[in-house]
N, C-alpha and C. Protein backbone atom coordinates (compact mmCIF):
# COMPACT_ATOMS: atom_id res chain seq x y z
N MET A 1 0.84 -1.18 0.00
CA MET A 1 0.00 0.00 0.00
C MET A 1 0.88 1.24 0.00
N VAL A 2 0.47 2.22 -0.78
CA VAL A 2 1.21 3.47 -0.88
C VAL A 2 0.20 4.62 -0.78
N ASP A 3 0.60 5.70 -0.14
CA ASP A 3 -0.21 6.92 -0.06
C ASP A 3 0.31 7.88 -1.13
N LYS A 4 -0.37 7.93 -2.28
CA LYS A 4 0.07 8.77 -3.40
C LYS A 4 -0.26 10.23 -3.11
N PRO A 5 0.72 11.12 -3.25
CA PRO A 5 0.41 12.54 -3.08
C PRO A 5 -0.30 13.11 -4.31
N ALA A 6 -1.09 14.14 -4.10
CA ALA A 6 -1.70 14.86 -5.22
C ALA A 6 -0.59 15.50 -6.05
N GLY A 7 -0.78 15.55 -7.36
CA GLY A 7 0.19 16.19 -8.24
C GLY A 7 1.24 15.26 -8.81
N LEU A 8 1.26 14.00 -8.40
CA LEU A 8 2.24 13.03 -8.89
C LEU A 8 1.52 12.00 -9.76
N LEU A 9 2.04 11.77 -10.95
CA LEU A 9 1.47 10.75 -11.84
C LEU A 9 1.66 9.36 -11.24
N SER A 10 0.75 8.45 -11.54
CA SER A 10 0.90 7.05 -11.12
C SER A 10 1.96 6.36 -11.98
N VAL A 11 1.96 6.65 -13.28
CA VAL A 11 2.90 6.09 -14.26
C VAL A 11 3.46 7.24 -15.09
N PRO A 12 4.58 7.03 -15.79
CA PRO A 12 5.15 8.13 -16.55
C PRO A 12 4.21 8.63 -17.65
N GLY A 13 4.26 9.93 -17.87
CA GLY A 13 3.50 10.53 -18.97
C GLY A 13 4.39 10.65 -20.20
N ARG A 14 3.86 11.27 -21.23
CA ARG A 14 4.64 11.47 -22.46
C ARG A 14 5.59 12.66 -22.29
N GLY A 15 6.83 12.43 -22.59
CA GLY A 15 7.83 13.49 -22.49
C GLY A 15 8.66 13.36 -21.23
N GLU A 16 9.89 13.83 -21.32
CA GLU A 16 10.84 13.75 -20.22
C GLU A 16 10.35 14.50 -18.97
N HIS A 17 9.61 15.59 -19.18
CA HIS A 17 9.13 16.39 -18.05
C HIS A 17 8.05 15.66 -17.24
N LEU A 18 7.52 14.54 -17.77
CA LEU A 18 6.50 13.76 -17.05
C LEU A 18 7.02 12.37 -16.66
N ALA A 19 8.34 12.24 -16.60
CA ALA A 19 8.94 10.94 -16.26
C ALA A 19 8.85 10.63 -14.76
N ASP A 20 8.86 11.67 -13.92
CA ASP A 20 8.75 11.43 -12.47
C ASP A 20 7.34 10.95 -12.16
N CYS A 21 7.25 9.80 -11.52
CA CYS A 21 5.94 9.22 -11.20
C CYS A 21 6.11 8.26 -10.03
N LEU A 22 4.97 7.86 -9.48
CA LEU A 22 4.99 7.00 -8.30
C LEU A 22 5.66 5.66 -8.57
N ILE A 23 5.33 5.01 -9.69
CA ILE A 23 5.91 3.69 -9.93
C ILE A 23 7.42 3.76 -10.11
N ALA A 24 7.94 4.81 -10.74
CA ALA A 24 9.39 4.96 -10.89
C ALA A 24 10.06 5.12 -9.52
N ARG A 25 9.44 5.89 -8.65
CA ARG A 25 9.98 6.07 -7.31
C ARG A 25 9.97 4.76 -6.53
N LEU A 26 8.89 3.99 -6.68
CA LEU A 26 8.82 2.69 -5.99
C LEU A 26 9.83 1.70 -6.55
N GLN A 27 10.00 1.69 -7.88
CA GLN A 27 10.94 0.75 -8.49
C GLN A 27 12.38 1.04 -8.10
N ALA A 28 12.68 2.27 -7.71
CA ALA A 28 14.02 2.59 -7.22
C ALA A 28 14.32 1.87 -5.91
N VAL A 29 13.28 1.55 -5.15
CA VAL A 29 13.44 0.87 -3.86
C VAL A 29 13.09 -0.62 -3.97
N PHE A 30 12.02 -0.90 -4.72
CA PHE A 30 11.53 -2.27 -4.92
C PHE A 30 11.52 -2.56 -6.42
N PRO A 31 12.63 -3.05 -6.98
CA PRO A 31 12.75 -3.19 -8.44
C PRO A 31 11.69 -4.07 -9.10
N THR A 32 11.05 -4.97 -8.36
CA THR A 32 10.07 -5.87 -8.98
C THR A 32 8.64 -5.32 -8.93
N VAL A 33 8.45 -4.13 -8.37
CA VAL A 33 7.09 -3.61 -8.19
C VAL A 33 6.35 -3.50 -9.53
N ARG A 34 5.06 -3.83 -9.50
CA ARG A 34 4.23 -3.84 -10.71
C ARG A 34 2.94 -3.07 -10.47
N LEU A 35 2.50 -2.37 -11.50
CA LEU A 35 1.28 -1.58 -11.44
C LEU A 35 0.05 -2.48 -11.41
N VAL A 36 -0.94 -2.12 -10.58
CA VAL A 36 -2.21 -2.85 -10.52
C VAL A 36 -3.35 -1.95 -10.98
N HIS A 37 -3.34 -0.69 -10.56
CA HIS A 37 -4.39 0.28 -10.92
C HIS A 37 -3.78 1.67 -10.88
N ARG A 38 -4.55 2.68 -11.24
CA ARG A 38 -4.04 4.06 -11.27
C ARG A 38 -4.97 4.99 -10.54
N LEU A 39 -4.42 6.13 -10.16
CA LEU A 39 -5.19 7.28 -9.70
C LEU A 39 -4.80 8.45 -10.59
N ASP A 40 -5.73 9.36 -10.83
CA ASP A 40 -5.42 10.58 -11.58
C ASP A 40 -4.28 11.33 -10.89
N ARG A 41 -3.52 12.09 -11.65
CA ARG A 41 -2.41 12.85 -11.10
C ARG A 41 -2.85 13.73 -9.93
N ASP A 42 -4.01 14.36 -10.06
CA ASP A 42 -4.45 15.32 -9.05
C ASP A 42 -5.14 14.68 -7.85
N THR A 43 -5.37 13.37 -7.88
CA THR A 43 -6.02 12.66 -6.78
C THR A 43 -4.95 12.08 -5.85
N SER A 44 -5.16 12.23 -4.56
CA SER A 44 -4.24 11.66 -3.57
C SER A 44 -4.84 10.37 -3.00
N GLY A 45 -4.02 9.64 -2.26
CA GLY A 45 -4.54 8.54 -1.48
C GLY A 45 -4.02 7.16 -1.77
N VAL A 46 -4.78 6.17 -1.29
CA VAL A 46 -4.38 4.77 -1.26
C VAL A 46 -4.27 4.16 -2.66
N MET A 47 -3.14 3.53 -2.90
CA MET A 47 -2.92 2.70 -4.09
C MET A 47 -2.24 1.42 -3.63
N VAL A 48 -2.53 0.32 -4.35
CA VAL A 48 -1.82 -0.93 -4.08
C VAL A 48 -1.01 -1.30 -5.31
N PHE A 49 0.14 -1.90 -5.06
CA PHE A 49 1.03 -2.38 -6.11
C PHE A 49 1.35 -3.83 -5.81
N ALA A 50 1.82 -4.54 -6.82
CA ALA A 50 2.20 -5.95 -6.65
C ALA A 50 3.71 -6.07 -6.73
N LEU A 51 4.24 -7.12 -6.12
CA LEU A 51 5.68 -7.38 -6.19
C LEU A 51 6.02 -8.55 -7.10
N THR A 52 5.00 -9.31 -7.53
CA THR A 52 5.24 -10.45 -8.41
C THR A 52 4.21 -10.45 -9.54
N PRO A 53 4.52 -11.10 -10.66
CA PRO A 53 3.53 -11.20 -11.74
C PRO A 53 2.24 -11.89 -11.31
N LEU A 54 2.35 -12.93 -10.47
CA LEU A 54 1.17 -13.63 -9.99
C LEU A 54 0.28 -12.70 -9.16
N ALA A 55 0.88 -11.95 -8.26
CA ALA A 55 0.12 -11.01 -7.43
C ALA A 55 -0.53 -9.94 -8.30
N GLN A 56 0.20 -9.46 -9.31
CA GLN A 56 -0.35 -8.45 -10.21
C GLN A 56 -1.58 -8.99 -10.95
N ARG A 57 -1.51 -10.21 -11.46
CA ARG A 57 -2.65 -10.81 -12.15
C ARG A 57 -3.85 -10.96 -11.23
N HIS A 58 -3.60 -11.46 -10.02
CA HIS A 58 -4.70 -11.68 -9.08
C HIS A 58 -5.34 -10.36 -8.65
N LEU A 59 -4.54 -9.39 -8.31
CA LEU A 59 -5.09 -8.09 -7.90
C LEU A 59 -5.79 -7.40 -9.07
N GLY A 60 -5.19 -7.48 -10.26
CA GLY A 60 -5.83 -6.91 -11.45
C GLY A 60 -7.18 -7.54 -11.71
N TRP A 61 -7.27 -8.86 -11.52
CA TRP A 61 -8.53 -9.56 -11.69
C TRP A 61 -9.58 -9.04 -10.70
N GLN A 62 -9.16 -8.78 -9.46
CA GLN A 62 -10.10 -8.26 -8.46
C GLN A 62 -10.66 -6.90 -8.88
N PHE A 63 -9.82 -6.05 -9.45
CA PHE A 63 -10.29 -4.75 -9.94
C PHE A 63 -11.23 -4.94 -11.12
N GLU A 64 -10.85 -5.78 -12.08
CA GLU A 64 -11.68 -6.02 -13.27
C GLU A 64 -13.05 -6.58 -12.91
N GLU A 65 -13.08 -7.48 -11.93
CA GLU A 65 -14.33 -8.12 -11.53
C GLU A 65 -15.10 -7.32 -10.47
N ARG A 66 -14.63 -6.12 -10.18
CA ARG A 66 -15.28 -5.23 -9.22
C ARG A 66 -15.41 -5.85 -7.83
N ARG A 67 -14.37 -6.54 -7.42
CA ARG A 67 -14.35 -7.16 -6.09
C ARG A 67 -13.61 -6.31 -5.07
N VAL A 68 -13.00 -5.22 -5.54
CA VAL A 68 -12.29 -4.30 -4.66
C VAL A 68 -13.29 -3.27 -4.15
N LYS A 69 -13.30 -3.05 -2.85
CA LYS A 69 -14.15 -2.00 -2.28
C LYS A 69 -13.32 -0.74 -2.17
N LYS A 70 -13.82 0.33 -2.82
CA LYS A 70 -13.09 1.60 -2.84
C LYS A 70 -13.94 2.69 -2.20
N THR A 71 -13.32 3.52 -1.39
CA THR A 71 -14.00 4.70 -0.87
C THR A 71 -13.11 5.92 -1.08
N TYR A 72 -13.76 7.02 -1.39
CA TYR A 72 -13.08 8.29 -1.61
C TYR A 72 -13.73 9.35 -0.74
N ILE A 73 -12.98 10.36 -0.41
CA ILE A 73 -13.50 11.56 0.26
C ILE A 73 -13.34 12.70 -0.74
N ALA A 74 -14.37 13.55 -0.82
CA ALA A 74 -14.31 14.71 -1.71
C ALA A 74 -15.01 15.89 -1.07
N ARG A 75 -14.56 17.08 -1.44
CA ARG A 75 -15.26 18.31 -1.09
C ARG A 75 -15.91 18.81 -2.37
N LEU A 76 -17.21 19.04 -2.31
CA LEU A 76 -17.99 19.42 -3.48
C LEU A 76 -18.49 20.85 -3.38
N TRP A 77 -18.70 21.47 -4.52
CA TRP A 77 -19.28 22.79 -4.62
C TRP A 77 -20.76 22.71 -4.26
N GLY A 78 -21.22 23.60 -3.39
CA GLY A 78 -22.63 23.68 -3.04
C GLY A 78 -23.00 22.75 -1.91
N GLU A 79 -24.10 23.09 -1.26
CA GLU A 79 -24.60 22.27 -0.16
C GLU A 79 -25.69 21.34 -0.69
N MET A 80 -25.42 20.05 -0.63
CA MET A 80 -26.36 19.06 -1.15
C MET A 80 -27.58 18.95 -0.23
N ALA A 81 -28.76 18.89 -0.83
CA ALA A 81 -30.00 18.77 -0.06
C ALA A 81 -30.20 17.34 0.44
N GLU A 82 -29.84 16.36 -0.38
CA GLU A 82 -30.02 14.96 -0.01
C GLU A 82 -28.83 14.48 0.82
N ARG A 83 -29.05 13.42 1.58
CA ARG A 83 -27.99 12.85 2.41
C ARG A 83 -27.21 11.76 1.68
N GLU A 84 -27.86 11.10 0.71
CA GLU A 84 -27.17 10.06 -0.05
C GLU A 84 -27.87 9.86 -1.38
N GLY A 85 -27.15 9.19 -2.28
CA GLY A 85 -27.74 8.94 -3.59
C GLY A 85 -26.85 8.07 -4.45
N VAL A 86 -27.31 7.86 -5.67
CA VAL A 86 -26.59 7.06 -6.66
C VAL A 86 -26.59 7.83 -7.98
N VAL A 87 -25.43 7.90 -8.61
CA VAL A 87 -25.33 8.47 -9.95
C VAL A 87 -25.06 7.31 -10.89
N ASP A 88 -25.97 7.10 -11.83
CA ASP A 88 -25.86 6.00 -12.80
C ASP A 88 -25.91 6.61 -14.19
N LEU A 89 -24.75 7.10 -14.65
CA LEU A 89 -24.66 7.77 -15.95
C LEU A 89 -23.50 7.19 -16.75
N PRO A 90 -23.75 6.72 -17.97
CA PRO A 90 -22.67 6.15 -18.79
C PRO A 90 -21.68 7.22 -19.24
N LEU A 91 -20.41 6.81 -19.35
CA LEU A 91 -19.34 7.75 -19.68
C LEU A 91 -18.56 7.29 -20.91
N LYS A 92 -18.05 8.28 -21.64
CA LYS A 92 -17.13 7.99 -22.74
C LYS A 92 -16.16 9.15 -22.89
N VAL A 93 -15.11 8.92 -23.66
CA VAL A 93 -14.09 9.95 -23.90
C VAL A 93 -14.70 11.08 -24.70
N ASP A 94 -14.39 12.30 -24.31
CA ASP A 94 -14.76 13.50 -25.07
C ASP A 94 -13.59 13.75 -26.03
N TRP A 95 -13.60 13.06 -27.17
CA TRP A 95 -12.44 13.01 -28.07
C TRP A 95 -11.83 14.36 -28.40
N PRO A 96 -12.60 15.37 -28.78
CA PRO A 96 -11.95 16.65 -29.11
C PRO A 96 -11.29 17.32 -27.90
N ASN A 97 -11.68 16.91 -26.69
CA ASN A 97 -11.17 17.55 -25.47
C ASN A 97 -10.47 16.58 -24.54
N ARG A 98 -9.83 15.52 -25.11
CA ARG A 98 -9.11 14.55 -24.29
C ARG A 98 -8.14 15.27 -23.36
N PRO A 99 -7.97 14.82 -22.13
CA PRO A 99 -8.43 13.56 -21.55
C PRO A 99 -9.82 13.65 -20.90
N ARG A 100 -10.53 14.73 -21.15
CA ARG A 100 -11.87 14.87 -20.55
C ARG A 100 -12.77 13.71 -20.96
N GLN A 101 -13.68 13.37 -20.06
CA GLN A 101 -14.71 12.36 -20.29
C GLN A 101 -16.05 13.08 -20.29
N MET A 102 -17.10 12.39 -20.75
CA MET A 102 -18.42 13.01 -20.74
C MET A 102 -19.51 11.96 -20.58
N VAL A 103 -20.65 12.43 -20.10
CA VAL A 103 -21.83 11.58 -20.00
C VAL A 103 -22.39 11.43 -21.41
N ALA A 104 -22.68 10.18 -21.80
CA ALA A 104 -23.21 9.93 -23.15
C ALA A 104 -24.03 8.64 -23.13
N PRO A 105 -25.19 8.64 -23.79
CA PRO A 105 -26.03 7.42 -23.81
C PRO A 105 -25.30 6.20 -24.36
N ASP A 106 -24.34 6.42 -25.28
CA ASP A 106 -23.60 5.29 -25.85
C ASP A 106 -22.28 5.03 -25.12
N GLY A 107 -22.13 5.60 -23.93
CA GLY A 107 -20.91 5.39 -23.14
C GLY A 107 -20.95 4.07 -22.40
N ARG A 108 -19.87 3.82 -21.67
CA ARG A 108 -19.77 2.60 -20.86
C ARG A 108 -20.49 2.83 -19.53
N PRO A 109 -21.14 1.79 -19.00
CA PRO A 109 -21.85 1.96 -17.73
C PRO A 109 -20.92 2.46 -16.63
N ALA A 110 -21.43 3.37 -15.81
CA ALA A 110 -20.66 3.93 -14.70
C ALA A 110 -21.63 4.25 -13.56
N VAL A 111 -21.31 3.74 -12.36
CA VAL A 111 -22.19 3.92 -11.21
C VAL A 111 -21.37 4.37 -10.01
N THR A 112 -21.85 5.43 -9.35
CA THR A 112 -21.21 5.95 -8.15
C THR A 112 -22.27 6.14 -7.07
N ARG A 113 -22.08 5.52 -5.92
CA ARG A 113 -22.91 5.80 -4.76
C ARG A 113 -22.21 6.87 -3.94
N TRP A 114 -22.99 7.74 -3.29
CA TRP A 114 -22.40 8.79 -2.46
C TRP A 114 -23.21 8.98 -1.19
N ARG A 115 -22.52 9.49 -0.16
CA ARG A 115 -23.16 9.82 1.12
C ARG A 115 -22.57 11.13 1.61
N ALA A 116 -23.44 12.09 1.89
CA ALA A 116 -22.99 13.38 2.42
C ALA A 116 -22.57 13.21 3.88
N LEU A 117 -21.44 13.80 4.22
CA LEU A 117 -20.93 13.74 5.59
C LEU A 117 -21.21 15.04 6.33
N ARG A 118 -21.09 16.16 5.60
CA ARG A 118 -21.26 17.47 6.21
C ARG A 118 -21.49 18.49 5.11
N ALA A 119 -22.46 19.39 5.32
CA ALA A 119 -22.72 20.46 4.36
C ALA A 119 -22.75 21.78 5.12
N ALA A 120 -21.85 22.69 4.75
CA ALA A 120 -21.78 24.01 5.39
C ALA A 120 -20.88 24.91 4.57
N GLY A 121 -21.10 26.20 4.69
CA GLY A 121 -20.20 27.16 4.04
C GLY A 121 -20.17 27.07 2.54
N GLY A 122 -21.25 26.61 1.93
CA GLY A 122 -21.31 26.56 0.47
C GLY A 122 -20.65 25.34 -0.15
N GLU A 123 -20.34 24.34 0.68
CA GLU A 123 -19.75 23.11 0.14
C GLU A 123 -20.26 21.90 0.91
N THR A 124 -20.03 20.72 0.35
CA THR A 124 -20.43 19.47 0.99
C THR A 124 -19.26 18.50 0.97
N ARG A 125 -18.99 17.91 2.11
CA ARG A 125 -17.99 16.84 2.20
C ARG A 125 -18.74 15.53 2.04
N VAL A 126 -18.27 14.70 1.11
CA VAL A 126 -18.95 13.44 0.82
C VAL A 126 -17.98 12.27 0.84
N ARG A 127 -18.56 11.10 1.04
CA ARG A 127 -17.82 9.85 0.85
C ARG A 127 -18.40 9.24 -0.42
N LEU A 128 -17.53 8.85 -1.35
CA LEU A 128 -17.93 8.30 -2.64
C LEU A 128 -17.55 6.83 -2.72
N PHE A 129 -18.46 6.05 -3.30
CA PHE A 129 -18.26 4.60 -3.43
C PHE A 129 -18.45 4.22 -4.90
N PRO A 130 -17.38 4.27 -5.70
CA PRO A 130 -17.54 3.89 -7.11
C PRO A 130 -17.77 2.40 -7.26
N GLU A 131 -18.78 2.03 -8.00
CA GLU A 131 -19.05 0.62 -8.28
C GLU A 131 -18.37 0.18 -9.57
N THR A 132 -18.01 1.14 -10.40
CA THR A 132 -17.25 0.89 -11.62
C THR A 132 -15.99 1.74 -11.53
N GLY A 133 -15.09 1.60 -12.46
CA GLY A 133 -13.82 2.32 -12.39
C GLY A 133 -13.47 3.03 -13.67
N ARG A 134 -14.36 3.86 -14.15
CA ARG A 134 -14.11 4.60 -15.40
C ARG A 134 -13.19 5.79 -15.14
N SER A 135 -12.47 6.17 -16.17
CA SER A 135 -11.59 7.33 -16.09
C SER A 135 -12.40 8.58 -15.73
N HIS A 136 -11.95 9.31 -14.73
CA HIS A 136 -12.59 10.55 -14.26
C HIS A 136 -14.02 10.35 -13.77
N GLN A 137 -14.40 9.12 -13.49
CA GLN A 137 -15.80 8.82 -13.14
C GLN A 137 -16.35 9.70 -12.02
N LEU A 138 -15.65 9.78 -10.90
CA LEU A 138 -16.16 10.55 -9.77
C LEU A 138 -16.26 12.03 -10.11
N ARG A 139 -15.28 12.52 -10.84
CA ARG A 139 -15.25 13.93 -11.21
C ARG A 139 -16.41 14.28 -12.15
N VAL A 140 -16.64 13.44 -13.15
CA VAL A 140 -17.73 13.70 -14.11
C VAL A 140 -19.09 13.52 -13.43
N HIS A 141 -19.25 12.47 -12.65
CA HIS A 141 -20.54 12.22 -12.00
C HIS A 141 -20.92 13.36 -11.05
N MET A 142 -19.99 13.83 -10.24
CA MET A 142 -20.33 14.90 -9.30
C MET A 142 -20.66 16.20 -10.05
N ALA A 143 -19.91 16.50 -11.10
CA ALA A 143 -20.22 17.69 -11.91
C ALA A 143 -21.58 17.54 -12.58
N ALA A 144 -21.92 16.33 -13.02
CA ALA A 144 -23.18 16.10 -13.73
C ALA A 144 -24.39 16.32 -12.83
N ILE A 145 -24.24 16.13 -11.52
CA ILE A 145 -25.36 16.36 -10.62
C ILE A 145 -25.31 17.77 -10.02
N GLY A 146 -24.44 18.62 -10.57
CA GLY A 146 -24.41 20.02 -10.16
C GLY A 146 -23.52 20.33 -8.98
N HIS A 147 -22.66 19.39 -8.59
CA HIS A 147 -21.77 19.58 -7.44
C HIS A 147 -20.36 19.14 -7.80
N PRO A 148 -19.68 19.92 -8.65
CA PRO A 148 -18.31 19.52 -9.04
C PRO A 148 -17.37 19.47 -7.84
N ILE A 149 -16.36 18.64 -7.97
CA ILE A 149 -15.33 18.53 -6.93
C ILE A 149 -14.51 19.82 -6.94
N LEU A 150 -14.33 20.40 -5.77
CA LEU A 150 -13.58 21.64 -5.66
C LEU A 150 -12.16 21.47 -6.19
N GLY A 151 -11.69 22.47 -6.92
CA GLY A 151 -10.35 22.46 -7.46
C GLY A 151 -10.18 21.64 -8.72
N ASP A 152 -11.27 21.15 -9.30
CA ASP A 152 -11.16 20.31 -10.50
C ASP A 152 -10.91 21.17 -11.73
N PRO A 153 -9.72 21.04 -12.36
CA PRO A 153 -9.39 21.88 -13.50
C PRO A 153 -10.16 21.51 -14.78
N PHE A 154 -10.77 20.33 -14.83
CA PHE A 154 -11.51 19.91 -16.03
C PHE A 154 -13.01 20.15 -15.93
N TYR A 155 -13.59 19.87 -14.78
CA TYR A 155 -15.05 19.83 -14.69
C TYR A 155 -15.68 20.89 -13.78
N ALA A 156 -14.89 21.62 -13.01
CA ALA A 156 -15.41 22.71 -12.19
C ALA A 156 -15.22 24.02 -12.95
N GLU A 157 -16.04 24.99 -12.61
CA GLU A 157 -15.95 26.31 -13.25
C GLU A 157 -15.95 27.40 -12.19
N GLY A 158 -15.46 28.57 -12.56
CA GLY A 158 -15.51 29.73 -11.68
C GLY A 158 -14.85 29.49 -10.34
N ALA A 159 -15.53 29.94 -9.28
CA ALA A 159 -14.97 29.85 -7.92
C ALA A 159 -14.76 28.41 -7.47
N ALA A 160 -15.50 27.46 -8.02
CA ALA A 160 -15.33 26.05 -7.65
C ALA A 160 -13.97 25.52 -8.09
N ARG A 161 -13.37 26.16 -9.07
CA ARG A 161 -12.07 25.72 -9.59
C ARG A 161 -10.92 26.35 -8.80
N ASP A 162 -11.19 27.40 -8.08
CA ASP A 162 -10.16 28.21 -7.45
C ASP A 162 -9.71 27.64 -6.10
N PHE A 163 -9.10 26.46 -6.15
CA PHE A 163 -8.58 25.79 -4.95
C PHE A 163 -7.17 25.31 -5.26
N PRO A 164 -6.33 25.13 -4.24
CA PRO A 164 -4.93 24.77 -4.49
C PRO A 164 -4.73 23.37 -5.06
N ARG A 165 -5.76 22.53 -4.98
CA ARG A 165 -5.64 21.17 -5.50
C ARG A 165 -7.03 20.62 -5.73
N LEU A 166 -7.10 19.47 -6.43
CA LEU A 166 -8.35 18.73 -6.57
C LEU A 166 -8.68 18.13 -5.21
N MET A 167 -9.87 18.41 -4.71
CA MET A 167 -10.26 17.94 -3.38
C MET A 167 -10.89 16.55 -3.48
N LEU A 168 -10.07 15.60 -3.93
CA LEU A 168 -10.48 14.20 -4.08
C LEU A 168 -9.37 13.32 -3.55
N HIS A 169 -9.74 12.39 -2.67
CA HIS A 169 -8.76 11.54 -1.99
C HIS A 169 -9.26 10.11 -1.92
N SER A 170 -8.43 9.16 -2.36
CA SER A 170 -8.73 7.74 -2.24
C SER A 170 -8.50 7.35 -0.78
N GLU A 171 -9.61 7.22 -0.04
CA GLU A 171 -9.52 7.01 1.40
C GLU A 171 -9.19 5.57 1.77
N SER A 172 -9.81 4.59 1.08
CA SER A 172 -9.54 3.20 1.44
C SER A 172 -9.76 2.24 0.28
N LEU A 173 -9.07 1.11 0.36
CA LEU A 173 -9.22 -0.01 -0.57
C LEU A 173 -9.30 -1.28 0.27
N THR A 174 -10.26 -2.14 -0.06
CA THR A 174 -10.34 -3.44 0.57
C THR A 174 -10.15 -4.48 -0.53
N ILE A 175 -9.13 -5.31 -0.36
CA ILE A 175 -8.78 -6.33 -1.36
C ILE A 175 -8.65 -7.68 -0.65
N ARG A 176 -8.50 -8.73 -1.45
CA ARG A 176 -8.14 -10.06 -0.93
C ARG A 176 -6.67 -10.27 -1.23
N HIS A 177 -5.92 -10.71 -0.24
CA HIS A 177 -4.49 -10.96 -0.45
C HIS A 177 -4.33 -12.02 -1.53
N PRO A 178 -3.45 -11.80 -2.50
CA PRO A 178 -3.27 -12.76 -3.60
C PRO A 178 -2.81 -14.14 -3.14
N ASP A 179 -2.18 -14.22 -1.99
CA ASP A 179 -1.71 -15.50 -1.47
C ASP A 179 -2.54 -15.88 -0.25
N GLY A 180 -3.62 -16.59 -0.45
CA GLY A 180 -4.44 -17.05 0.66
C GLY A 180 -5.82 -16.43 0.73
N GLY A 181 -6.01 -15.27 0.11
CA GLY A 181 -7.34 -14.67 0.03
C GLY A 181 -7.82 -13.91 1.25
N ARG A 182 -6.95 -13.67 2.23
CA ARG A 182 -7.36 -12.92 3.42
C ARG A 182 -7.77 -11.51 3.04
N SER A 183 -8.90 -11.04 3.59
CA SER A 183 -9.37 -9.68 3.33
C SER A 183 -8.44 -8.68 4.00
N MET A 184 -8.05 -7.65 3.25
CA MET A 184 -7.16 -6.62 3.77
C MET A 184 -7.72 -5.26 3.42
N ARG A 185 -7.77 -4.37 4.40
CA ARG A 185 -8.26 -3.00 4.17
C ARG A 185 -7.12 -2.03 4.45
N PHE A 186 -6.87 -1.16 3.48
CA PHE A 186 -5.85 -0.13 3.64
C PHE A 186 -6.54 1.22 3.60
N SER A 187 -6.18 2.12 4.51
CA SER A 187 -6.81 3.43 4.52
C SER A 187 -5.82 4.52 4.92
N VAL A 188 -6.09 5.71 4.41
CA VAL A 188 -5.29 6.89 4.71
C VAL A 188 -6.28 8.05 4.82
N PRO A 189 -6.26 8.80 5.93
CA PRO A 189 -7.19 9.92 6.06
C PRO A 189 -6.91 11.01 5.03
N ALA A 190 -7.96 11.70 4.63
CA ALA A 190 -7.83 12.79 3.66
C ALA A 190 -7.02 13.94 4.27
N PRO A 191 -6.14 14.55 3.48
CA PRO A 191 -5.33 15.66 3.99
C PRO A 191 -6.07 17.00 3.97
N PHE A 192 -7.36 16.98 3.64
CA PHE A 192 -8.13 18.23 3.60
C PHE A 192 -9.43 18.09 4.38
C-alpha cells in the first residue's frame, strides 16, 4: 500500500518532463514492483502495487471483476440537499477535449454511490463509493449532478475551480491478499 500525493502521476507521462511518477519512485526501492491500478495525477490517497507477476494478475482480476471495495473523500461545490444517492450515468471519452470524459447514452456503464458527511459554508464533504472504475468517473458524475469537486481543472468552473488542488482523496481499498485470500483493508485519512 502506498499513499500517493496529489500532483504526482501514477505512471510516466509522455515526455521527459513527465517521467517522475509514483511507480518509478517505488521501483528505485523495490525493483520488482508492478502496477495494478491508477489514480489521476491530481487525486491523492491509497494505491496498491504488486511485487510479483502472480500477485499483479490476481489483484488486477479483483479490480476487473469489481471485487475491490473503494472509498473516496471529496469536497464538493454547493450544499447538497439529499444525504445520499446514486449516480448511474454512462461515460465515454470526449475526443476533441481529451483527456476529458463526458456523460453519453452510448458510453460505458458507470455507477457511483455517495453519502454526504457534512454540508456548510457553500460546500459538501462526501464519501464516494464507485461501483465501476471509469476514467474521471467521480469527477464527471459529481459535476453532472451540479456539485463539481472543488479544485477540479476539467469539470469545475468559476470559484469552484479556485482551490490549491483537486479535493479528491482515495480514502480506502479493501482487497483479498493474492496469497491465501485474506481480506485486507488499507486506509489513509484525507489531507483536507
